[in-house]
Amino acid sequence: MTRPPVLADRDEAGKTNVPVREVIGLHLRKLRNERGITASNAGEVIGASVAKVSRLERGLLPFRPEDLAALLTLYGLNRFEQEMIISVAVGNRDLDRWDRNAPAPETVKYIPLDEVVKNRFVQTADLIRSYDPLAVPELLQTPAYATALYCASRYPPPPPSVVERAVMGLQARQQVLESDKSPLLWVVVEEPALRRPVGGAAVHSQQLSALISAARNPKIRIRINPMGTSFLPICGPFTVFRFVGGTQMVAVHDLGVDKIADWKYDEERVMTFERAAIAARPSSKTTAILTTIRADLYPDHT
């Protein structure tokens, strides 16, 4: 009888690919625990005992394709999120692209799945629309501003290694904007957010200067919703990604985690961005507005 195919079982040289299995198993256990699903419930879905589920989550057993797909569906992952994990499992995506810090099983750590999906979206979108009522949208943040914001927006404060890894991931996404095939980036940001001195005067002043430079990029449109706006969305930051063919996905940035959804299930945010863009000042005024804000806050800036 032919043995069913398994995922993450062998590498190209035919050696057992334990690190990949352990990374995937670790992530499956995290997903299951976060959703309050017992190992028994997971086992029922794939016809396995609790002991087998435990061995799968510890990377001691290879995954069959149907088992991995069933578990990811049980845990509520959409098709994009499932594709990211399965592509690593079958060897179509390098482990290093999903997990830069897993050279050996005993040191397994992983880049959160939401970040992996967001990286892919930035790389493949032809239009990115982002709204942020609280801070500068992340794709336009300087490293110093991003570092200060990451620390200020989380409690308890994260360790330096976590902050550094997050900022490095952001910088990797930002590099896409510098390529010849970069997507269009349209952002709407609230004026009070621009006046908030995240990181202190020097960091904030540098961030405003970076925004002024970005506003001159023909592929970037920055619109500022003024203090006396006619429309003030009561929501957190989010990003809408549009791909060739018209498919759109929404990433809601909630407490440091991005919740990904098909726009059909979150059409309200797509409409919110459009309404906010209409209420905001035109992008042709952005450079002047930013220059005024910088002059108000830092009159000694040269």
C-alpha atoms as a PDB file:
ATOM      1  CA  MET A   1       0.000   0.000   0.000  1.00  0.00           C
ATOM      2  CA  THR A   2       1.374   3.421  -0.995  1.00  0.00           C
ATOM      3  CA  ARG A   3       2.154   5.665   1.960  1.00  0.00           C
ATOM      4  CA  PRO A   4       0.083   8.915   1.879  1.00  0.00           C
ATOM      5  CA  PRO A   5       2.100  12.063   1.158  1.00  0.00           C
ATOM      6  CA  VAL A   6       3.217  14.068   4.138  1.00  0.00           C
ATOM      7  CA  LEU A   7       4.206  17.678   4.611  1.00  0.00           C
ATOM      8  CA  ALA A   8       7.550  18.921   5.912  1.00  0.00           C
ATOM      9  CA  ASP A   9       8.821  15.362   6.065  1.00  0.00           C
ATOM     10  CA  ARG A  10      11.958  15.473   3.907  1.00  0.00           C
ATOM     11  CA  ASP A  11      14.170  18.167   2.488  1.00  0.00           C
ATOM     12  CA  GLU A  12      15.645  18.138  -1.035  1.00  0.00           C
ATOM     13  CA  ALA A  13      18.488  15.902   0.098  1.00  0.00           C
ATOM     14  CA  GLY A  14      16.035  13.415   1.583  1.00  0.00           C
ATOM     15  CA  LYS A  15      16.862  14.271   5.184  1.00  0.00           C
ATOM     16  CA  THR A  16      14.158  14.647   7.799  1.00  0.00           C
ATOM     17  CA  ASN A  17      13.149  18.292   7.978  1.00  0.00           C
ATOM     18  CA  VAL A  18      12.560  18.543  11.714  1.00  0.00           C
ATOM     19  CA  PRO A  19      12.918  22.357  12.116  1.00  0.00           C
ATOM     20  CA  VAL A  20      10.079  23.021   9.644  1.00  0.00           C
ATOM     21  CA  ARG A  21       7.822  20.511  11.363  1.00  0.00           C
ATOM     22  CA  GLU A  22       8.546  21.974  14.758  1.00  0.00           C
ATOM     23  CA  VAL A  23       7.924  25.555  13.635  1.00  0.00           C
ATOM     24  CA  ILE A  24       4.570  24.585  12.117  1.00  0.00           C
ATOM     25  CA  GLY A  25       3.638  22.488  15.135  1.00  0.00           C
ATOM     26  CA  LEU A  26       4.488  25.326  17.500  1.00  0.00           C
ATOM     27  CA  HIS A  27       2.274  27.672  15.524  1.00  0.00           C
ATOM     28  CA  LEU A  28      -0.597  25.169  15.454  1.00  0.00           C
ATOM     29  CA  ARG A  29      -0.448  24.806  19.236  1.00  0.00           C
ATOM     30  CA  LYS A  30      -0.492  28.590  19.640  1.00  0.00           C
ATOM     31  CA  LEU A  31      -3.506  28.905  17.321  1.00  0.00           C
ATOM     32  CA  ARG A  32      -5.369  26.138  19.135  1.00  0.00           C
ATOM     33  CA  ASN A  33      -4.735  27.609  22.578  1.00  0.00           C
ATOM     34  CA  GLU A  34      -5.682  31.125  21.501  1.00  0.00           C
ATOM     35  CA  ARG A  35      -9.023  29.847  20.245  1.00  0.00           C
ATOM     36  CA  GLY A  36      -9.771  27.754  23.315  1.00  0.00           C
ATOM     37  CA  ILE A  37      -9.880  24.499  21.341  1.00  0.00           C
ATOM     38  CA  THR A  38      -8.856  21.350  23.172  1.00  0.00           C
ATOM     39  CA  ALA A  39      -6.445  18.801  21.778  1.00  0.00           C
ATOM     40  CA  SER A  40      -9.345  16.358  21.892  1.00  0.00           C
ATOM     41  CA  ASN A  41     -11.453  18.597  19.642  1.00  0.00           C
ATOM     42  CA  ALA A  42      -8.551  18.977  17.230  1.00  0.00           C
ATOM     43  CA  GLY A  43      -8.021  15.231  17.222  1.00  0.00           C
ATOM     44  CA  GLU A  44     -11.645  14.574  16.328  1.00  0.00           C
ATOM     45  CA  VAL A  45     -11.318  16.710  13.200  1.00  0.00           C
ATOM     46  CA  ILE A  46      -8.365  14.702  11.874  1.00  0.00           C
ATOM     47  CA  GLY A  47      -9.275  11.357  13.408  1.00  0.00           C
ATOM     48  CA  ALA A  48      -6.342  11.333  15.829  1.00  0.00           C
ATOM     49  CA  SER A  49      -5.815  10.781  19.524  1.00  0.00           C
ATOM     50  CA  VAL A  50      -4.838  13.530  21.950  1.00  0.00           C
ATOM     51  CA  ALA A  51      -1.387  11.981  22.137  1.00  0.00           C
ATOM     52  CA  LYS A  52      -0.963  12.199  18.367  1.00  0.00           C
ATOM     53  CA  VAL A  53      -2.074  15.847  18.333  1.00  0.00           C
ATOM     54  CA  SER A  54       0.538  16.538  20.992  1.00  0.00           C
ATOM     55  CA  ARG A  55       3.247  14.843  18.923  1.00  0.00           C
ATOM     56  CA  LEU A  56       2.232  16.817  15.830  1.00  0.00           C
ATOM     57  CA  GLU A  57       2.424  20.088  17.749  1.00  0.00           C
ATOM     58  CA  ARG A  58       5.885  19.186  19.037  1.00  0.00           C
ATOM     59  CA  GLY A  59       7.132  18.447  15.526  1.00  0.00           C
ATOM     60  CA  LEU A  60       7.625  14.764  16.237  1.00  0.00           C
ATOM     61  CA  LEU A  61       5.386  13.632  13.373  1.00  0.00           C
ATOM     62  CA  PRO A  62       5.007  14.831   9.784  1.00  0.00           C
ATOM     63  CA  PHE A  63       1.759  16.437   8.651  1.00  0.00           C
ATOM     64  CA  ARG A  64      -0.465  14.940   5.995  1.00  0.00           C
ATOM     65  CA  PRO A  65      -1.896  17.609   3.676  1.00  0.00           C
ATOM     66  CA  GLU A  66      -5.513  16.894   4.560  1.00  0.00           C
ATOM     67  CA  ASP A  67      -4.760  17.000   8.319  1.00  0.00           C
ATOM     68  CA  LEU A  68      -2.980  20.343   8.149  1.00  0.00           C
ATOM     69  CA  ALA A  69      -5.734  21.888   6.024  1.00  0.00           C
ATOM     70  CA  ALA A  70      -8.431  20.571   8.368  1.00  0.00           C
ATOM     71  CA  LEU A  71      -6.710  21.977  11.459  1.00  0.00           C
ATOM     72  CA  LEU A  72      -6.117  25.387   9.873  1.00  0.00           C
ATOM     73  CA  THR A  73      -9.785  25.509   8.863  1.00  0.00           C
ATOM     74  CA  LEU A  74     -10.838  24.559  12.400  1.00  0.00           C
ATOM     75  CA  TYR A  75      -8.711  27.389  13.769  1.00  0.00           C
ATOM     76  CA  GLY A  76     -10.451  29.892  11.500  1.00  0.00           C
ATOM     77  CA  LEU A  77      -7.589  30.812   9.152  1.00  0.00           C
ATOM     78  CA  ASN A  78      -8.623  32.234   5.796  1.00  0.00           C
ATOM     79  CA  ARG A  79      -7.293  30.886   2.517  1.00  0.00           C
ATOM     80  CA  PHE A  80      -4.421  33.394   2.371  1.00  0.00           C
ATOM     81  CA  GLU A  81      -3.225  32.496   5.859  1.00  0.00           C
ATOM     82  CA  GLN A  82      -3.537  28.790   5.127  1.00  0.00           C
ATOM     83  CA  GLU A  83      -1.540  29.174   1.941  1.00  0.00           C
ATOM     84  CA  MET A  84       1.354  30.766   3.837  1.00  0.00           C
ATOM     85  CA  ILE A  85       1.672  27.845   6.264  1.00  0.00           C
ATOM     86  CA  ILE A  86       1.090  25.117   3.700  1.00  0.00           C
ATOM     87  CA  SER A  87       3.559  26.673   1.264  1.00  0.00           C
ATOM     88  CA  VAL A  88       6.248  26.445   3.958  1.00  0.00           C
ATOM     89  CA  ALA A  89       5.225  22.904   4.801  1.00  0.00           C
ATOM     90  CA  VAL A  90       5.471  21.624   1.229  1.00  0.00           C
ATOM     91  CA  GLY A  91       8.738  23.444   0.594  1.00  0.00           C
ATOM     92  CA  ASN A  92       7.453  26.082  -1.828  1.00  0.00           C
ATOM     93  CA  ARG A  93       8.445  28.832   0.575  1.00  0.00           C
ATOM     94  CA  ASP A  94      11.767  29.010   2.389  1.00  0.00           C
ATOM     95  CA  LEU A  95      11.570  28.536   6.141  1.00  0.00           C
ATOM     96  CA  ASP A  96      13.809  31.588   6.476  1.00  0.00           C
ATOM     97  CA  ARG A  97      11.110  33.703   4.849  1.00  0.00           C
ATOM     98  CA  TRP A  98       8.636  32.623   7.512  1.00  0.00           C
ATOM     99  CA  ASP A  99      10.948  32.084  10.446  1.00  0.00           C
ATOM    100  CA  ARG A 100      14.248  33.950  10.480  1.00  0.00           C
ATOM    101  CA  ASN A 101      15.038  32.676  13.977  1.00  0.00           C
ATOM    102  CA  ALA A 102      14.632  28.921  13.788  1.00  0.00           C
ATOM    103  CA  PRO A 103      18.027  27.430  12.895  1.00  0.00           C
ATOM    104  CA  ALA A 104      17.439  24.441  15.153  1.00  0.00           C
ATOM    105  CA  PRO A 105      14.474  22.800  16.921  1.00  0.00           C
ATOM    106  CA  GLU A 106      15.615  23.831  20.385  1.00  0.00           C
ATOM    107  CA  THR A 107      15.586  27.526  19.426  1.00  0.00           C
ATOM    108  CA  VAL A 108      12.326  27.632  17.483  1.00  0.00           C
ATOM    109  CA  LYS A 109      10.732  31.034  17.268  1.00  0.00           C
ATOM    110  CA  TYR A 110       8.615  32.335  14.434  1.00  0.00           C
ATOM    111  CA  ILE A 111       7.452  35.468  12.699  1.00  0.00           C
ATOM    112  CA  PRO A 112       3.736  35.816  13.521  1.00  0.00           C
ATOM    113  CA  LEU A 113       1.530  34.587  10.707  1.00  0.00           C
ATOM    114  CA  ASP A 114      -0.260  37.923  10.395  1.00  0.00           C
ATOM    115  CA  GLU A 115       3.092  39.573   9.648  1.00  0.00           C
ATOM    116  CA  VAL A 116       3.964  36.966   7.028  1.00  0.00           C
ATOM    117  CA  VAL A 117       0.621  37.492   5.292  1.00  0.00           C
ATOM    118  CA  LYS A 118       1.047  41.269   5.465  1.00  0.00           C
ATOM    119  CA  ASN A 119       4.526  40.995   3.939  1.00  0.00           C
ATOM    120  CA  ARG A 120       3.068  39.051   1.038  1.00  0.00           C
ATOM    121  CA  PHE A 121       0.275  41.559   0.579  1.00  0.00           C
ATOM    122  CA  VAL A 122       2.703  44.494   0.422  1.00  0.00           C
ATOM    123  CA  GLN A 123       4.811  42.642  -2.146  1.00  0.00           C
ATOM    124  CA  THR A 124       1.906  41.707  -4.427  1.00  0.00           C
ATOM    125  CA  ALA A 125      -0.596  44.566  -4.101  1.00  0.00           C
ATOM    126  CA  ASP A 126      -0.935  47.220  -6.788  1.00  0.00           C
ATOM    127  CA  LEU A 127      -2.680  49.670  -4.434  1.00  0.00           C
ATOM    128  CA  ILE A 128      -2.375  50.018  -0.654  1.00  0.00           C
ATOM    129  CA  ARG A 129      -4.769  52.295   1.255  1.00  0.00           C
ATOM    130  CA  SER A 130      -4.098  52.913   4.927  1.00  0.00           C
ATOM    131  CA  TYR A 131      -5.951  54.885   7.594  1.00  0.00           C
ATOM    132  CA  ASP A 132      -4.502  55.594  11.023  1.00  0.00           C
ATOM    133  CA  PRO A 133      -6.203  57.846  13.586  1.00  0.00           C
ATOM    134  CA  LEU A 134      -3.444  57.418  16.172  1.00  0.00           C
ATOM    135  CA  ALA A 135      -0.040  57.604  14.512  1.00  0.00           C
ATOM    136  CA  VAL A 136       1.865  57.838  11.248  1.00  0.00           C
ATOM    137  CA  PRO A 137       0.892  54.836   9.061  1.00  0.00           C
ATOM    138  CA  GLU A 138       3.549  52.170   9.454  1.00  0.00           C
ATOM    139  CA  LEU A 139       4.789  52.084   5.858  1.00  0.00           C
ATOM    140  CA  LEU A 140       5.831  55.731   6.258  1.00  0.00           C
ATOM    141  CA  GLN A 141       7.424  55.448   9.702  1.00  0.00           C
ATOM    142  CA  THR A 142      11.122  56.087  10.268  1.00  0.00           C
ATOM    143  CA  PRO A 143      12.981  53.351  12.197  1.00  0.00           C
ATOM    144  CA  ALA A 144      13.324  55.566  15.281  1.00  0.00           C
ATOM    145  CA  TYR A 145       9.636  56.513  15.231  1.00  0.00           C
ATOM    146  CA  ALA A 146       8.588  52.894  14.671  1.00  0.00           C
ATOM    147  CA  THR A 147      10.740  51.761  17.585  1.00  0.00           C
ATOM    148  CA  ALA A 148       9.321  54.391  19.937  1.00  0.00           C
ATOM    149  CA  LEU A 149       5.744  53.689  18.836  1.00  0.00           C
ATOM    150  CA  TYR A 150       6.145  49.928  19.212  1.00  0.00           C
ATOM    151  CA  CYS A 151       7.344  50.361  22.792  1.00  0.00           C
ATOM    152  CA  ALA A 152       4.759  53.016  23.710  1.00  0.00           C
ATOM    153  CA  SER A 153       1.796  51.023  22.380  1.00  0.00           C
ATOM    154  CA  ARG A 154       2.421  47.810  24.320  1.00  0.00           C
ATOM    155  CA  TYR A 155       2.269  46.884  27.984  1.00  0.00           C
ATOM    156  CA  PRO A 156       4.258  45.443  29.522  1.00  0.00           C
ATOM    157  CA  PRO A 157       7.099  46.866  27.431  1.00  0.00           C
ATOM    158  CA  PRO A 158       8.461  44.234  25.023  1.00  0.00           C
ATOM    159  CA  PRO A 159      12.105  43.117  25.260  1.00  0.00           C
ATOM    160  CA  PRO A 160      14.566  44.877  22.935  1.00  0.00           C
ATOM    161  CA  SER A 161      14.999  41.787  20.746  1.00  0.00           C
ATOM    162  CA  VAL A 162      11.266  41.714  19.979  1.00  0.00           C
ATOM    163  CA  VAL A 163      11.218  45.424  19.173  1.00  0.00           C
ATOM    164  CA  GLU A 164      14.240  45.101  16.909  1.00  0.00           C
ATOM    165  CA  ARG A 165      12.726  42.172  15.022  1.00  0.00           C
ATOM    166  CA  ALA A 166       9.443  44.033  14.507  1.00  0.00           C
ATOM    167  CA  VAL A 167      11.187  47.138  13.162  1.00  0.00           C
ATOM    168  CA  MET A 168      13.365  45.041  10.863  1.00  0.00           C
ATOM    169  CA  GLY A 169      10.223  43.410   9.480  1.00  0.00           C
ATOM    170  CA  LEU A 170       8.682  46.816   8.879  1.00  0.00           C
ATOM    171  CA  GLN A 171      11.804  48.043   7.092  1.00  0.00           C
ATOM    172  CA  ALA A 172      11.674  44.978   4.829  1.00  0.00           C
ATOM    173  CA  ARG A 173       8.110  45.873   3.832  1.00  0.00           C
ATOM    174  CA  GLN A 174       9.073  49.500   3.290  1.00  0.00           C
ATOM    175  CA  GLN A 175      11.785  48.465   0.825  1.00  0.00           C
ATOM    176  CA  VAL A 176       9.035  47.398  -1.560  1.00  0.00           C
ATOM    177  CA  LEU A 177       8.052  51.050  -1.904  1.00  0.00           C
ATOM    178  CA  GLU A 178      11.531  51.839  -3.208  1.00  0.00           C
ATOM    179  CA  SER A 179      11.414  49.328  -6.069  1.00  0.00           C
ATOM    180  CA  ASP A 180      10.466  50.062  -9.659  1.00  0.00           C
ATOM    181  CA  LYS A 181       7.377  47.886  -9.277  1.00  0.00           C
ATOM    182  CA  SER A 182       6.221  49.472  -6.041  1.00  0.00           C
ATOM    183  CA  PRO A 183       2.463  49.693  -5.427  1.00  0.00           C
ATOM    184  CA  LEU A 184       0.591  52.965  -5.129  1.00  0.00           C
ATOM    185  CA  LEU A 185       0.295  54.000  -1.484  1.00  0.00           C
ATOM    186  CA  TRP A 186      -2.583  56.208  -0.367  1.00  0.00           C
ATOM    187  CA  VAL A 187      -2.845  57.119   3.309  1.00  0.00           C
ATOM    188  CA  VAL A 188      -5.183  59.216   5.423  1.00  0.00           C
ATOM    189  CA  VAL A 189      -3.898  60.308   8.822  1.00  0.00           C
ATOM    190  CA  GLU A 190      -5.483  62.476  11.501  1.00  0.00           C
ATOM    191  CA  GLU A 191      -3.806  65.824  12.223  1.00  0.00           C
ATOM    192  CA  PRO A 192      -3.718  65.209  16.027  1.00  0.00           C
ATOM    193  CA  ALA A 193      -1.749  62.012  15.340  1.00  0.00           C
ATOM    194  CA  LEU A 194       0.822  64.015  13.394  1.00  0.00           C
ATOM    195  CA  ARG A 195       1.194  66.444  16.291  1.00  0.00           C
ATOM    196  CA  ARG A 196       1.784  63.715  18.868  1.00  0.00           C
ATOM    197  CA  PRO A 197       5.555  63.747  19.668  1.00  0.00           C
ATOM    198  CA  VAL A 198       6.166  59.997  19.620  1.00  0.00           C
ATOM    199  CA  GLY A 199       9.759  59.324  20.650  1.00  0.00           C
ATOM    200  CA  GLY A 200      10.475  62.902  21.680  1.00  0.00           C
ATOM    201  CA  ALA A 201      11.292  66.060  19.759  1.00  0.00           C
ATOM    202  CA  ALA A 202      14.231  64.813  17.698  1.00  0.00           C
ATOM    203  CA  VAL A 203      12.530  61.598  16.580  1.00  0.00           C
ATOM    204  CA  HIS A 204       9.241  63.338  15.878  1.00  0.00           C
ATOM    205  CA  SER A 205      10.836  66.176  13.927  1.00  0.00           C
ATOM    206  CA  GLN A 206      12.741  63.657  11.810  1.00  0.00           C
ATOM    207  CA  GLN A 207       9.509  61.770  11.176  1.00  0.00           C
ATOM    208  CA  LEU A 208       7.727  64.905   9.967  1.00  0.00           C
ATOM    209  CA  SER A 209      10.637  65.643   7.632  1.00  0.00           C
ATOM    210  CA  ALA A 210      10.439  62.099   6.261  1.00  0.00           C
ATOM    211  CA  LEU A 211       6.719  62.557   5.588  1.00  0.00           C
ATOM    212  CA  ILE A 212       7.422  65.786   3.717  1.00  0.00           C
ATOM    213  CA  SER A 213       9.870  63.896   1.503  1.00  0.00           C
ATOM    214  CA  ALA A 214       7.405  61.021   1.009  1.00  0.00           C
ATOM    215  CA  ALA A 215       4.673  63.439  -0.019  1.00  0.00           C
ATOM    216  CA  ARG A 216       6.783  64.386  -3.043  1.00  0.00           C
ATOM    217  CA  ASN A 217       6.841  60.780  -4.274  1.00  0.00           C
ATOM    218  CA  PRO A 218       4.379  60.487  -7.196  1.00  0.00           C
ATOM    219  CA  LYS A 219       3.390  56.978  -6.057  1.00  0.00           C
ATOM    220  CA  ILE A 220       2.485  58.130  -2.548  1.00  0.00           C
ATOM    221  CA  ARG A 221      -0.560  60.207  -1.663  1.00  0.00           C
ATOM    222  CA  ILE A 222      -0.864  61.490   1.880  1.00  0.00           C
ATOM    223  CA  ARG A 223      -4.073  63.170   2.955  1.00  0.00           C
ATOM    224  CA  ILE A 224      -4.434  64.808   6.351  1.00  0.00           C
ATOM    225  CA  ASN A 225      -7.788  64.922   8.104  1.00  0.00           C
ATOM    226  CA  PRO A 226      -7.772  68.329   9.859  1.00  0.00           C
ATOM    227  CA  MET A 227      -8.783  69.134  13.435  1.00  0.00           C
ATOM    228  CA  GLY A 228     -12.086  70.601  12.246  1.00  0.00           C
ATOM    229  CA  THR A 229     -12.978  67.652  10.042  1.00  0.00           C
ATOM    230  CA  SER A 230     -16.502  66.883   8.911  1.00  0.00           C
ATOM    231  CA  PHE A 231     -15.861  63.130   9.289  1.00  0.00           C
ATOM    232  CA  LEU A 232     -14.142  61.397  12.178  1.00  0.00           C
ATOM    233  CA  PRO A 233     -14.227  57.578  11.986  1.00  0.00           C
ATOM    234  CA  ILE A 234     -14.572  55.843  15.334  1.00  0.00           C
ATOM    235  CA  CYS A 235     -12.261  52.959  14.569  1.00  0.00           C
ATOM    236  CA  GLY A 236      -8.673  51.845  14.863  1.00  0.00           C
ATOM    237  CA  PRO A 237      -6.025  51.772  12.145  1.00  0.00           C
ATOM    238  CA  PHE A 238      -6.485  49.522   9.125  1.00  0.00           C
ATOM    239  CA  THR A 239      -5.065  48.885   5.656  1.00  0.00           C
ATOM    240  CA  VAL A 240      -6.823  47.825   2.459  1.00  0.00           C
ATOM    241  CA  PHE A 241      -4.766  45.908  -0.110  1.00  0.00           C
ATOM    242  CA  ARG A 242      -5.908  45.700  -3.731  1.00  0.00           C
ATOM    243  CA  PHE A 243      -4.381  43.175  -6.109  1.00  0.00           C
ATOM    244  CA  VAL A 244      -4.273  42.807  -9.877  1.00  0.00           C
ATOM    245  CA  GLY A 245      -7.693  41.567 -10.904  1.00  0.00           C
ATOM    246  CA  GLY A 246      -9.510  43.620  -8.278  1.00  0.00           C
ATOM    247  CA  THR A 247      -9.314  41.300  -5.261  1.00  0.00           C
ATOM    248  CA  GLN A 248      -9.111  43.250  -2.009  1.00  0.00           C
ATOM    249  CA  MET A 249      -8.124  42.247   1.514  1.00  0.00           C
ATOM    250  CA  VAL A 250      -8.375  44.224   4.743  1.00  0.00           C
ATOM    251  CA  ALA A 251      -5.883  44.132   7.617  1.00  0.00           C
ATOM    252  CA  VAL A 252      -7.205  45.564  10.883  1.00  0.00           C
ATOM    253  CA  HIS A 253      -4.321  46.587  13.153  1.00  0.00           C
ATOM    254  CA  ASP A 254      -5.602  45.662  16.613  1.00  0.00           C
ATOM    255  CA  LEU A 255      -3.372  45.678  19.704  1.00  0.00           C
ATOM    256  CA  GLY A 256      -0.286  44.804  17.720  1.00  0.00           C
ATOM    257  CA  VAL A 257      -1.913  41.961  15.779  1.00  0.00           C
ATOM    258  CA  ASP A 258      -3.258  42.214  12.241  1.00  0.00           C
ATOM    259  CA  LYS A 259      -6.620  40.559  11.654  1.00  0.00           C
ATOM    260  CA  ILE A 260      -6.928  39.694   7.967  1.00  0.00           C
ATOM    261  CA  ALA A 261     -10.303  39.507   6.211  1.00  0.00           C
ATOM    262  CA  ASP A 262     -11.674  39.506   2.687  1.00  0.00           C
ATOM    263  CA  TRP A 263     -13.051  42.985   1.979  1.00  0.00           C
ATOM    264  CA  LYS A 264     -16.492  41.465   1.319  1.00  0.00           C
ATOM    265  CA  TYR A 265     -16.634  40.706   5.035  1.00  0.00           C
ATOM    266  CA  ASP A 266     -15.310  44.122   6.023  1.00  0.00           C
ATOM    267  CA  GLU A 267     -16.689  46.404   3.339  1.00  0.00           C
ATOM    268  CA  GLU A 268     -17.418  49.030   5.994  1.00  0.00           C
ATOM    269  CA  ARG A 269     -13.711  49.817   6.363  1.00  0.00           C
ATOM    270  CA  VAL A 270     -13.233  50.124   2.610  1.00  0.00           C
ATOM    271  CA  MET A 271     -16.056  52.674   2.573  1.00  0.00           C
ATOM    272  CA  THR A 272     -14.622  54.367   5.678  1.00  0.00           C
ATOM    273  CA  PHE A 273     -11.331  54.986   3.905  1.00  0.00           C
ATOM    274  CA  GLU A 274     -13.085  56.469   0.890  1.00  0.00           C
ATOM    275  CA  ARG A 275     -15.163  58.781   3.091  1.00  0.00           C
ATOM    276  CA  ALA A 276     -12.135  59.828   5.150  1.00  0.00           C
ATOM    277  CA  ALA A 277     -10.172  60.589   1.971  1.00  0.00           C
ATOM    278  CA  ILE A 278     -12.977  62.882   0.821  1.00  0.00           C
ATOM    279  CA  ALA A 279     -13.130  64.706   4.168  1.00  0.00           C
ATOM    280  CA  ALA A 280      -9.339  65.112   4.388  1.00  0.00           C
ATOM    281  CA  ARG A 281      -7.376  67.919   2.795  1.00  0.00           C
ATOM    282  CA  PRO A 282      -6.201  67.186  -0.775  1.00  0.00           C
ATOM    283  CA  SER A 283      -2.764  65.651  -1.166  1.00  0.00           C
ATOM    284  CA  SER A 284      -1.586  68.781  -2.991  1.00  0.00           C
ATOM    285  CA  LYS A 285      -1.796  70.593   0.380  1.00  0.00           C
ATOM    286  CA  THR A 286       0.044  67.919   2.373  1.00  0.00           C
ATOM    287  CA  THR A 287       3.579  69.301   2.114  1.00  0.00           C
ATOM    288  CA  ALA A 288       2.449  72.738   3.265  1.00  0.00           C
ATOM    289  CA  ILE A 289       0.434  71.299   6.161  1.00  0.00           C
ATOM    290  CA  LEU A 290       3.316  69.127   7.341  1.00  0.00           C
ATOM    291  CA  THR A 291       5.743  72.016   7.079  1.00  0.00           C
ATOM    292  CA  THR A 292       3.395  74.161   9.182  1.00  0.00           C
ATOM    293  CA  ILE A 293       3.020  71.449  11.828  1.00  0.00           C
ATOM    294  CA  ARG A 294       6.794  71.032  12.024  1.00  0.00           C
ATOM    295  CA  ALA A 295       7.298  74.784  12.297  1.00  0.00           C
ATOM    296  CA  ASP A 296       4.637  75.047  15.042  1.00  0.00           C
ATOM    297  CA  LEU A 297       6.189  72.292  17.120  1.00  0.00           C
ATOM    298  CA  TYR A 298       9.854  72.793  16.312  1.00  0.00           C
ATOM    299  CA  PRO A 299      10.487  76.420  15.262  1.00  0.00           C
ATOM    300  CA  ASP A 300      14.240  75.894  15.429  1.00  0.00           C
ATOM    301  CA  HIS A 301      14.163  73.186  12.775  1.00  0.00           C
ATOM    302  CA  THR A 302      16.308  74.004   9.747  1.00  0.00           C
END
